[in-house]
Amino acid sequence: MTIELNENTEQHLLEVKASGKLSADDYHDFEPAVERLIDSGKIKILFEMHDFHGWEMGAMWEDIKFATKHCRDVEKIAMVGEKNWEKWMATICKPFTMSKIRYFEDGQQNEARQWLSEA
C-alpha cells in the first residue's frame, strides 16, 4: 500500500492519496494527521484513490474505530476514484458518518477541492 498525506492547516484539509490495499499500519500514519488538524476544529478530507484495491481485514477494523472516534470531527469527505465500486462505496458510507460525502471521478480533483472549500 502506498499512502501519501498532505496536511493543510489553514484550510483544515487533509489530502490522502491511496493506492494498493490499505493496511492497519496505514491508519497509524493517517489518524495522527487527522488528530493534529482537528485540534483547531472540524476538518475536511480529500481521499484520492488510484489503482486502489480496498482494505485488508485489519484496516477495516481500524476504519470502524476511526469512524466511531471521529464521527463529529470530519465535516466533509470528497472521494476521487476510478472505479464504479469506489463510487458505490461513497454512497454506502453516508449512513455511517455525520460527514457530508461526495464522489468525484478521476480528473475532477479541482472540483472536489472546490466543493470542500464551500461553506
Protein backbone atom coordinates (compact mmCIF):
# COMPACT_ATOMS: atom_id res chain seq x y z
CA MET A 1 0.00 0.00 0.00
CA THR A 2 1.14 3.46 -0.79
CA ILE A 3 -0.44 6.31 1.14
CA GLU A 4 0.55 9.98 0.85
CA LEU A 5 -0.67 12.55 3.34
CA ASN A 6 -0.69 16.31 2.89
CA GLU A 7 -1.91 18.45 5.80
CA ASN A 8 -3.17 21.96 5.08
CA THR A 9 -3.75 23.58 8.47
CA GLU A 10 -5.02 26.88 7.02
CA GLN A 11 -7.87 25.14 5.19
CA HIS A 12 -8.37 22.39 7.82
CA LEU A 13 -7.85 19.93 4.97
CA LEU A 14 -6.16 16.55 4.88
CA GLU A 15 -5.36 15.23 1.42
CA VAL A 16 -4.91 11.47 1.23
CA LYS A 17 -3.66 9.69 -1.89
CA ALA A 18 -4.09 5.94 -1.66
CA SER A 19 -3.16 3.11 -3.98
CA GLY A 20 -3.00 -0.63 -3.49
CA LYS A 21 -4.68 -2.07 -0.39
CA LEU A 22 -4.98 -0.17 2.92
CA SER A 23 -3.47 -1.92 5.92
CA ALA A 24 -3.87 -1.34 9.66
CA ASP A 25 -0.41 0.28 9.65
CA ASP A 26 -1.66 2.92 7.20
CA TYR A 27 -4.13 4.06 9.84
CA HIS A 28 -1.26 4.56 12.29
CA ASP A 29 0.02 7.25 9.87
CA PHE A 30 -3.40 8.61 8.93
CA GLU A 31 -5.01 9.04 12.34
CA PRO A 32 -2.28 11.25 13.92
CA ALA A 33 -2.56 13.60 10.92
CA VAL A 34 -6.31 13.85 11.48
CA GLU A 35 -5.85 14.47 15.20
CA ARG A 36 -3.31 17.25 14.59
CA LEU A 37 -5.77 19.03 12.31
CA ILE A 38 -8.85 18.57 14.50
CA ASP A 39 -7.08 20.31 17.37
CA SER A 40 -8.25 23.54 15.68
CA GLY A 41 -11.76 22.40 14.70
CA LYS A 42 -13.63 20.26 12.19
CA ILE A 43 -11.68 19.13 9.15
CA LYS A 44 -12.27 18.15 5.55
CA ILE A 45 -10.70 15.18 3.78
CA LEU A 46 -9.83 14.75 0.11
CA PHE A 47 -9.40 11.00 -0.43
CA GLU A 48 -7.91 10.19 -3.85
CA MET A 49 -7.85 6.56 -4.97
CA HIS A 50 -5.55 5.45 -7.78
CA ASP A 51 -5.20 1.74 -8.53
CA PHE A 52 -6.95 1.24 -5.19
CA HIS A 53 -7.85 -2.29 -4.07
CA GLY A 54 -9.71 -1.65 -0.79
CA TRP A 55 -8.89 -2.64 2.77
CA GLU A 56 -7.21 -5.58 4.46
CA MET A 57 -9.26 -7.04 7.32
CA GLY A 58 -7.16 -5.28 9.97
CA ALA A 59 -7.60 -1.99 8.16
CA MET A 60 -11.37 -2.43 8.08
CA TRP A 61 -11.36 -2.70 11.87
CA GLU A 62 -9.14 0.41 12.14
CA ASP A 63 -11.55 2.25 9.81
CA ILE A 64 -14.53 1.36 12.01
CA LYS A 65 -12.69 2.54 15.15
CA PHE A 66 -11.62 5.74 13.37
CA ALA A 67 -15.16 6.49 12.16
CA THR A 68 -16.59 5.93 15.65
CA LYS A 69 -13.98 8.11 17.34
CA HIS A 70 -14.05 10.97 14.82
CA CYS A 71 -17.64 10.90 13.53
CA ARG A 72 -18.19 14.54 14.58
CA ASP A 73 -14.71 15.82 13.66
CA VAL A 74 -14.88 15.48 9.87
CA GLU A 75 -17.18 17.95 8.14
CA LYS A 76 -16.82 16.78 4.53
CA ILE A 77 -15.14 13.96 2.61
CA ALA A 78 -14.52 14.23 -1.12
CA MET A 79 -13.67 10.86 -2.64
CA VAL A 80 -11.98 10.81 -6.04
CA GLY A 81 -11.82 7.44 -7.75
CA GLU A 82 -11.52 5.46 -10.93
CA LYS A 83 -13.91 2.54 -10.47
CA ASN A 84 -17.66 2.01 -10.12
CA TRP A 85 -17.26 0.17 -6.80
CA GLU A 86 -15.49 3.24 -5.35
CA LYS A 87 -18.48 5.39 -6.26
CA TRP A 88 -20.78 2.81 -4.71
CA MET A 89 -18.61 2.79 -1.56
CA ALA A 90 -19.05 6.56 -1.16
CA THR A 91 -22.83 6.08 -1.21
CA ILE A 92 -22.77 3.17 1.24
CA CYS A 93 -20.63 5.15 3.75
CA LYS A 94 -23.12 8.02 4.09
CA PRO A 95 -25.40 6.48 6.75
CA PHE A 96 -22.39 5.62 8.93
CA THR A 97 -20.97 9.10 9.32
CA MET A 98 -22.10 12.61 10.13
CA SER A 99 -19.80 13.92 7.39
CA LYS A 100 -21.06 15.07 4.04
CA ILE A 101 -19.62 12.72 1.42
CA ARG A 102 -19.41 13.28 -2.31
CA TYR A 103 -17.80 11.17 -5.02
CA PHE A 104 -15.84 12.65 -7.94
CA GLU A 105 -14.44 10.90 -11.00
CA ASP A 106 -10.69 10.74 -11.58
CA GLY A 107 -9.62 14.04 -13.09
CA GLN A 108 -12.10 16.05 -11.02
CA GLN A 109 -9.69 16.86 -8.18
CA ASN A 110 -10.17 20.61 -8.69
CA GLU A 111 -13.96 20.23 -8.48
CA ALA A 112 -13.53 18.15 -5.32
CA ARG A 113 -11.33 20.84 -3.74
CA GLN A 114 -13.87 23.50 -4.71
CA TRP A 115 -16.70 21.53 -3.09
CA LEU A 116 -14.64 21.05 0.07
CA SER A 117 -13.97 24.80 0.30
CA GLU A 118 -17.68 25.73 0.09
CA ALA A 119 -19.44 26.60 3.34
